[in-house]
Amino acid sequence: MVKHQDILTTSDLAIGYKGKEIKEVSNNLNFSLKASELVCLLGPNGVGKSTLMRTMAGVQKPLKGNVQINGKSLIQYKARDLAKVLSIVLTERITNTNFSVYALVAMGRYPHTGWMGGLTKTDEKKVQWALFSTGMEGFANRKVHELSDGERQKVMIARALAQDTPIILLDEPTAHLDLPNRVEIVRLLRQLTKTTGKAILLSTHELDLALQGADKIMLMHPFFELTCGVPEDLVLSGVFEDTFKRDGFDFDKITGRFLIHKPGENKIKLKGDQLYEHWTRQALERENYSITKEKGDFPSLEIIKIQKGAVWKYTEKEKVDIFLSIGQMMEFLRNH
């Protein structure tokens, strides 16, 4: 496989549902997935991320337009042939949890086995490789119901790996996981794109992880066309503010995160060690302070590094107070 070549492309794709009435969720979707790239799909709730995933996987038909895999239209693929080029992990929880981890991962080999479903030595090697690649080789004989949510998610990724497709789609793979497991899953997926050459697309609400881990980000918006690009370009263009704009939320281009607190009424000057300054700023903003560099008679806060941490020197109208922690300082400011 040629590195970074297009594997999946869409043209003028419209997605939605056909019933008594056609309900269109999103349209004019044009993008491509390339080999060796991790792409994160972001967007507000209800914008159609899961619908897009299902449409690309052939689970539901597009309302308009086309999806191509390796230059061949999706509708031309038979189910078994499609399962050899694309695997998908949906958000539904595993219903039969009495399977062993090995048995569940081995199910990923179904497109490659005969009608009786027996595993060849090649199939077994693929299953072992998938378990090893996800760090689950030590869990092979465990029952799925004995696993944590994070471990189960790794098993489902291992199953998709065992299927051995050039494209893997994952719908909210980090949902219901704690922060360490979310970080580990994104790190694992990124590593897999580089070591296997696969194109991996995951939908997520984890903006911070997407900004750090994705090669590209696809942004869906109910009123704008889909935007796709390198995370840093999207941040600098201002598209995140447009996509996720909500009353009371501001996107900080410097830190790449949404701010809960609007600039406070009380202005204060702040200087000191970068690490301590960052967390001091967060505490101050939570208490209705805004950091200023304006000239004027504003209170100032200097963070002074010492051998075992830091001290906070607060100066206002020539009166100086010293604090040994952010907690002490904030208690003082609340009662000031």
Protein backbone atom coordinates (compact mmCIF):
# COMPACT_ATOMS: atom_id res chain seq x y z
CA MET A 1 0.00 0.00 0.00
CA VAL A 2 1.31 3.41 -1.01
CA LYS A 3 1.64 5.59 2.06
CA HIS A 4 -0.90 8.44 2.27
CA GLN A 5 -2.78 7.44 -0.90
CA ASP A 6 -6.55 7.96 -0.90
CA ILE A 7 -8.40 4.82 0.23
CA LEU A 8 -11.93 6.11 0.78
CA THR A 9 -13.45 9.15 -0.90
CA THR A 10 -16.90 10.72 -0.92
CA SER A 11 -18.45 12.98 -3.53
CA ASP A 12 -21.49 15.19 -2.93
CA LEU A 13 -22.62 12.77 -0.23
CA ALA A 14 -25.98 13.37 1.47
CA ILE A 15 -26.87 11.28 4.50
CA GLY A 16 -30.07 10.63 6.41
CA TYR A 17 -33.00 8.26 6.67
CA LYS A 18 -35.62 6.97 4.26
CA GLY A 19 -39.05 6.20 5.61
CA LYS A 20 -42.48 7.59 4.84
CA GLU A 21 -40.59 10.84 4.50
CA ILE A 22 -36.92 11.39 3.69
CA LYS A 23 -35.05 12.98 6.58
CA GLU A 24 -31.77 14.53 5.44
CA VAL A 25 -29.20 14.94 8.22
CA SER A 26 -26.29 16.44 6.27
CA ASN A 27 -25.28 16.97 2.67
CA ASN A 28 -22.51 18.07 0.34
CA LEU A 29 -19.95 15.92 2.19
CA ASN A 30 -16.71 15.73 0.22
CA PHE A 31 -13.57 14.29 1.80
CA SER A 32 -11.02 11.51 1.57
CA LEU A 33 -9.34 9.11 4.00
CA LYS A 34 -5.70 8.35 3.32
CA ALA A 35 -3.51 5.44 4.30
CA SER A 36 -1.46 5.87 7.50
CA GLU A 37 -3.65 8.70 8.81
CA LEU A 38 -5.68 9.03 12.00
CA VAL A 39 -8.67 11.30 11.38
CA CYS A 40 -11.01 12.52 14.13
CA LEU A 41 -14.62 13.38 13.28
CA LEU A 42 -15.95 16.18 15.51
CA GLY A 43 -19.19 18.07 15.68
CA PRO A 44 -22.10 19.04 17.95
CA ASN A 45 -24.57 16.39 19.08
CA GLY A 46 -27.14 15.50 16.44
CA VAL A 47 -25.10 16.77 13.52
CA GLY A 48 -24.89 13.29 11.94
CA LYS A 49 -21.53 11.82 12.92
CA SER A 50 -22.90 8.32 13.60
CA THR A 51 -25.09 8.49 10.49
CA LEU A 52 -22.04 9.35 8.40
CA MET A 53 -20.11 6.43 9.91
CA ARG A 54 -22.93 4.00 9.12
CA THR A 55 -23.26 5.32 5.59
CA MET A 56 -19.55 4.93 4.88
CA ALA A 57 -19.71 1.38 6.23
CA GLY A 58 -22.67 0.47 4.04
CA VAL A 59 -24.95 -0.07 7.05
CA GLN A 60 -27.39 2.46 5.59
CA LYS A 61 -27.66 3.84 2.09
CA PRO A 62 -26.74 7.42 1.16
CA LEU A 63 -29.55 9.72 0.13
CA LYS A 64 -27.37 11.17 -2.60
CA GLY A 65 -23.80 11.08 -3.85
CA ASN A 66 -21.26 8.33 -3.64
CA VAL A 67 -18.72 6.61 -1.42
CA GLN A 68 -15.75 4.97 -3.12
CA ILE A 69 -13.21 2.57 -1.65
CA ASN A 70 -10.06 2.03 -3.69
CA GLY A 71 -11.78 3.68 -6.63
CA LYS A 72 -14.80 1.32 -6.52
CA SER A 73 -18.30 2.48 -5.56
CA LEU A 74 -19.49 1.18 -2.20
CA ILE A 75 -22.71 -0.17 -3.71
CA GLN A 76 -20.67 -2.44 -6.01
CA TYR A 77 -19.19 -4.33 -3.06
CA LYS A 78 -20.74 -7.57 -1.88
CA ALA A 79 -21.01 -7.80 1.90
CA ARG A 80 -18.10 -10.25 2.33
CA ASP A 81 -15.86 -8.26 -0.04
CA LEU A 82 -16.67 -5.01 1.77
CA ALA A 83 -15.79 -6.66 5.07
CA LYS A 84 -12.32 -7.34 3.68
CA VAL A 85 -11.61 -3.64 3.08
CA LEU A 86 -13.54 -1.89 5.87
CA SER A 87 -14.27 -2.69 9.51
CA ILE A 88 -16.41 -0.68 11.90
CA VAL A 89 -16.74 -0.51 15.69
CA LEU A 90 -20.05 1.02 16.78
CA THR A 91 -21.03 2.42 20.16
CA GLU A 92 -23.39 -0.45 21.02
CA ARG A 93 -22.25 -2.41 24.04
CA ILE A 94 -21.35 -6.10 23.62
CA THR A 95 -24.49 -8.15 24.30
CA ASN A 96 -22.99 -11.63 24.70
CA THR A 97 -20.22 -11.16 27.23
CA ASN A 98 -19.73 -14.85 27.98
CA PHE A 99 -17.33 -15.20 25.04
CA SER A 100 -13.64 -15.43 25.75
CA VAL A 101 -11.55 -12.51 24.55
CA TYR A 102 -9.84 -14.77 22.02
CA ALA A 103 -13.17 -16.00 20.61
CA LEU A 104 -14.53 -12.48 20.24
CA VAL A 105 -11.42 -11.20 18.49
CA ALA A 106 -11.37 -14.29 16.25
CA MET A 107 -14.83 -13.31 14.98
CA GLY A 108 -13.08 -10.54 13.08
CA ARG A 109 -11.72 -13.20 10.75
CA TYR A 110 -15.19 -14.07 9.39
CA PRO A 111 -14.66 -12.48 5.93
CA HIS A 112 -11.59 -14.66 5.40
CA THR A 113 -12.77 -18.04 6.73
CA GLY A 114 -14.65 -20.73 4.84
CA TRP A 115 -18.36 -21.39 5.22
CA MET A 116 -17.70 -23.51 8.30
CA GLY A 117 -15.79 -20.68 9.94
CA GLY A 118 -12.71 -22.67 10.89
CA LEU A 119 -9.51 -20.77 11.63
CA THR A 120 -6.39 -21.53 9.63
CA LYS A 121 -2.87 -20.96 10.97
CA THR A 122 -2.86 -17.63 9.12
CA ASP A 123 -6.12 -16.64 10.83
CA GLU A 124 -4.72 -17.61 14.24
CA LYS A 125 -1.59 -15.53 13.62
CA LYS A 126 -3.77 -12.53 12.73
CA VAL A 127 -5.75 -12.95 15.95
CA GLN A 128 -2.57 -13.23 18.03
CA TRP A 129 -1.15 -10.15 16.30
CA ALA A 130 -4.35 -8.16 16.98
CA LEU A 131 -4.26 -9.12 20.66
CA PHE A 132 -0.57 -8.23 20.91
CA SER A 133 -1.01 -4.91 19.09
CA THR A 134 -3.69 -3.80 21.56
CA GLY A 135 -1.88 -5.12 24.63
CA MET A 136 -4.59 -7.73 25.26
CA GLU A 137 -2.58 -10.91 24.70
CA GLY A 138 -2.61 -11.61 28.44
CA PHE A 139 -6.43 -11.48 28.45
CA ALA A 140 -7.03 -14.05 25.69
CA ASN A 141 -8.66 -16.65 27.97
CA ARG A 142 -10.62 -14.17 30.09
CA LYS A 143 -14.39 -13.84 29.66
CA VAL A 144 -15.51 -10.52 28.22
CA HIS A 145 -17.83 -9.88 31.19
CA GLU A 146 -14.77 -9.90 33.45
CA LEU A 147 -13.21 -6.91 31.68
CA SER A 148 -13.38 -3.21 32.42
CA ASP A 149 -14.94 -0.83 29.88
CA GLY A 150 -11.50 0.22 28.68
CA GLU A 151 -10.40 -3.38 28.22
CA ARG A 152 -13.59 -4.22 26.33
CA GLN A 153 -12.99 -1.31 24.00
CA LYS A 154 -9.49 -2.61 23.29
CA VAL A 155 -10.97 -6.03 22.52
CA MET A 156 -13.32 -4.49 19.96
CA ILE A 157 -10.41 -2.65 18.36
CA ALA A 158 -8.47 -5.94 18.34
CA ARG A 159 -11.42 -7.58 16.59
CA ALA A 160 -11.34 -4.87 13.90
CA LEU A 161 -7.58 -5.38 13.56
CA ALA A 162 -8.03 -9.14 13.18
CA GLN A 163 -10.42 -8.39 10.32
CA ASP A 164 -7.31 -6.91 8.66
CA THR A 165 -8.91 -4.15 6.61
CA PRO A 166 -7.14 -1.05 5.24
CA ILE A 167 -9.94 1.12 6.72
CA ILE A 168 -11.20 1.11 10.31
CA LEU A 169 -14.13 3.26 11.46
CA LEU A 170 -14.80 3.73 15.17
CA ASP A 171 -17.89 5.50 16.49
CA GLU A 172 -17.15 7.11 19.87
CA PRO A 173 -14.49 4.56 20.94
CA THR A 174 -13.62 6.59 24.05
CA ALA A 175 -17.19 7.00 25.32
CA HIS A 176 -17.69 5.76 28.89
CA LEU A 177 -13.93 5.61 29.50
CA ASP A 178 -11.94 7.50 32.12
CA LEU A 179 -9.22 9.94 31.07
CA PRO A 180 -6.22 7.55 31.23
CA ASN A 181 -8.08 5.00 29.07
CA ARG A 182 -9.19 7.68 26.60
CA VAL A 183 -5.61 8.86 26.20
CA GLU A 184 -4.38 5.27 25.83
CA ILE A 185 -6.96 4.44 23.14
CA VAL A 186 -6.09 7.51 21.03
CA ARG A 187 -2.37 6.83 21.46
CA LEU A 188 -2.91 3.20 20.39
CA LEU A 189 -4.91 4.17 17.31
CA ARG A 190 -2.30 6.70 16.24
CA GLN A 191 0.46 4.12 16.63
CA LEU A 192 -1.51 1.61 14.56
CA THR A 193 -1.87 3.99 11.62
CA LYS A 194 1.89 4.45 11.53
CA THR A 195 2.85 0.78 11.97
CA THR A 196 0.15 -0.80 9.78
CA GLY A 197 -0.58 1.88 7.15
CA LYS A 198 -4.30 1.69 7.92
CA ALA A 199 -6.65 4.66 7.62
CA ILE A 200 -8.51 5.09 10.90
CA LEU A 201 -11.47 7.43 11.36
CA LEU A 202 -13.01 7.90 14.78
CA SER A 203 -15.86 10.10 15.88
CA THR A 204 -15.32 11.71 19.25
CA HIS A 205 -16.24 14.56 21.56
CA GLU A 206 -12.70 14.67 22.96
CA LEU A 207 -11.52 17.93 21.40
CA ASP A 208 -8.28 18.08 23.36
CA LEU A 209 -7.28 14.52 22.42
CA ALA A 210 -8.22 15.11 18.78
CA LEU A 211 -6.09 18.25 18.61
CA GLN A 212 -3.09 16.37 19.99
CA GLY A 213 -3.48 12.97 18.34
CA ALA A 214 -5.15 13.38 14.95
CA ASP A 215 -3.35 13.85 11.65
CA LYS A 216 -6.51 15.54 10.40
CA ILE A 217 -9.81 16.66 11.86
CA MET A 218 -13.18 16.60 10.11
CA LEU A 219 -15.63 19.15 11.51
CA MET A 220 -19.36 18.71 10.89
CA HIS A 221 -21.71 21.63 11.45
CA PRO A 222 -25.50 21.83 10.92
CA PHE A 223 -25.24 25.10 8.97
CA PHE A 224 -21.80 24.99 7.31
CA GLU A 225 -20.11 22.63 4.89
CA LEU A 226 -17.90 19.92 6.32
CA THR A 227 -14.38 21.21 6.98
CA CYS A 228 -11.35 18.95 6.95
CA GLY A 229 -7.74 19.84 7.68
CA VAL A 230 -4.71 19.64 9.92
CA PRO A 231 -5.74 20.47 13.53
CA GLU A 232 -3.45 23.48 13.82
CA ASP A 233 -4.80 25.03 10.60
CA LEU A 234 -8.38 24.63 11.80
CA VAL A 235 -7.56 26.27 15.13
CA LEU A 236 -5.87 29.25 13.48
CA SER A 237 -8.70 29.68 10.95
CA GLY A 238 -11.27 30.22 13.70
CA VAL A 239 -13.48 27.34 12.54
CA PHE A 240 -13.69 25.83 16.04
CA GLU A 241 -15.42 28.94 17.39
CA ASP A 242 -17.94 28.75 14.54
CA THR A 243 -18.62 25.04 14.98
CA PHE A 244 -18.92 24.83 18.76
CA LYS A 245 -20.03 28.35 19.62
CA ARG A 246 -22.26 28.41 22.69
CA ASP A 247 -23.29 31.19 25.05
CA GLY A 248 -20.79 31.39 27.86
CA PHE A 249 -18.04 29.43 26.05
CA ASP A 250 -14.97 30.84 24.38
CA PHE A 251 -12.29 28.90 22.51
CA ASP A 252 -8.73 29.76 23.46
CA LYS A 253 -6.49 29.43 20.41
CA ILE A 254 -3.37 29.53 22.56
CA THR A 255 -4.26 26.50 24.71
CA GLY A 256 -6.63 24.73 22.30
CA ARG A 257 -9.42 24.44 24.85
CA PHE A 258 -12.82 25.87 25.58
CA LEU A 259 -13.04 28.32 28.44
CA ILE A 260 -15.91 28.00 30.89
CA HIS A 261 -15.33 31.43 32.36
CA LYS A 262 -15.63 34.71 30.50
CA PRO A 263 -13.02 37.39 31.28
CA GLY A 264 -13.62 38.57 34.84
CA GLU A 265 -14.33 42.06 36.05
CA ASN A 266 -11.38 42.15 38.45
CA LYS A 267 -8.08 42.80 36.72
CA ILE A 268 -4.76 41.54 38.04
CA LYS A 269 -1.20 41.41 36.78
CA LEU A 270 0.48 38.00 36.81
CA LYS A 271 4.05 36.88 36.23
CA GLY A 272 6.25 33.97 37.17
CA ASP A 273 7.20 30.41 36.29
CA GLN A 274 5.26 29.17 33.24
CA LEU A 275 3.87 26.03 34.86
CA TYR A 276 2.71 27.75 38.05
CA GLU A 277 1.44 30.73 36.07
CA HIS A 278 -0.79 28.48 33.96
CA TRP A 279 -2.56 26.92 36.94
CA THR A 280 -2.70 30.19 38.87
CA ARG A 281 -4.35 31.83 35.88
CA GLN A 282 -6.98 29.09 35.79
CA ALA A 283 -7.78 29.56 39.48
CA LEU A 284 -7.99 33.35 39.10
CA GLU A 285 -10.29 33.16 36.07
CA ARG A 286 -12.59 30.86 38.01
CA GLU A 287 -12.90 33.59 40.66
CA ASN A 288 -13.88 36.35 38.21
CA TYR A 289 -10.36 37.72 37.63
CA SER A 290 -8.83 38.53 34.26
CA ILE A 291 -5.10 38.79 33.63
CA THR A 292 -4.01 42.17 32.31
CA LYS A 293 -0.85 43.75 30.97
CA GLU A 294 -2.36 47.22 30.93
CA LYS A 295 -0.62 50.10 32.67
CA GLY A 296 -2.42 51.15 35.77
CA ASP A 297 -2.72 50.69 39.48
CA PHE A 298 -3.84 47.06 39.38
CA PRO A 299 -2.99 44.42 41.99
CA SER A 300 -0.09 42.19 40.98
CA LEU A 301 0.75 38.59 41.67
CA GLU A 302 4.31 37.31 41.36
CA ILE A 303 5.08 33.59 41.56
CA ILE A 304 8.51 32.94 43.03
CA LYS A 305 10.02 29.47 42.62
CA ILE A 306 11.63 27.99 45.73
CA GLN A 307 13.36 24.67 46.34
CA LYS A 308 10.17 22.76 47.06
CA GLY A 309 7.55 24.53 45.00
CA ALA A 310 6.66 28.19 44.92
CA VAL A 311 5.29 31.13 46.88
CA TRP A 312 2.74 33.66 45.67
CA LYS A 313 3.50 37.34 46.35
CA TYR A 314 0.39 39.49 46.15
CA THR A 315 0.90 43.27 46.07
CA GLU A 316 -1.84 45.87 46.21
CA LYS A 317 -1.22 49.55 46.99
CA GLU A 318 2.23 48.74 48.40
CA LYS A 319 0.77 46.17 50.81
CA VAL A 320 2.35 42.72 50.35
CA ASP A 321 0.88 39.33 51.28
CA ILE A 322 2.70 36.01 50.84
CA PHE A 323 0.94 32.68 50.26
CA LEU A 324 2.33 29.14 50.20
CA SER A 325 -0.34 27.69 47.93
CA ILE A 326 -2.95 28.67 45.37
CA GLY A 327 -5.59 27.57 47.87
CA GLN A 328 -4.36 30.03 50.49
CA MET A 329 -4.22 32.81 47.93
CA MET A 330 -7.75 32.14 46.64
CA GLU A 331 -9.15 32.06 50.17
CA PHE A 332 -7.59 35.47 50.77
CA LEU A 333 -8.99 36.92 47.53
CA ARG A 334 -12.51 35.62 48.24
CA ASN A 335 -12.54 37.43 51.56
CA HIS A 336 -10.65 40.48 50.32
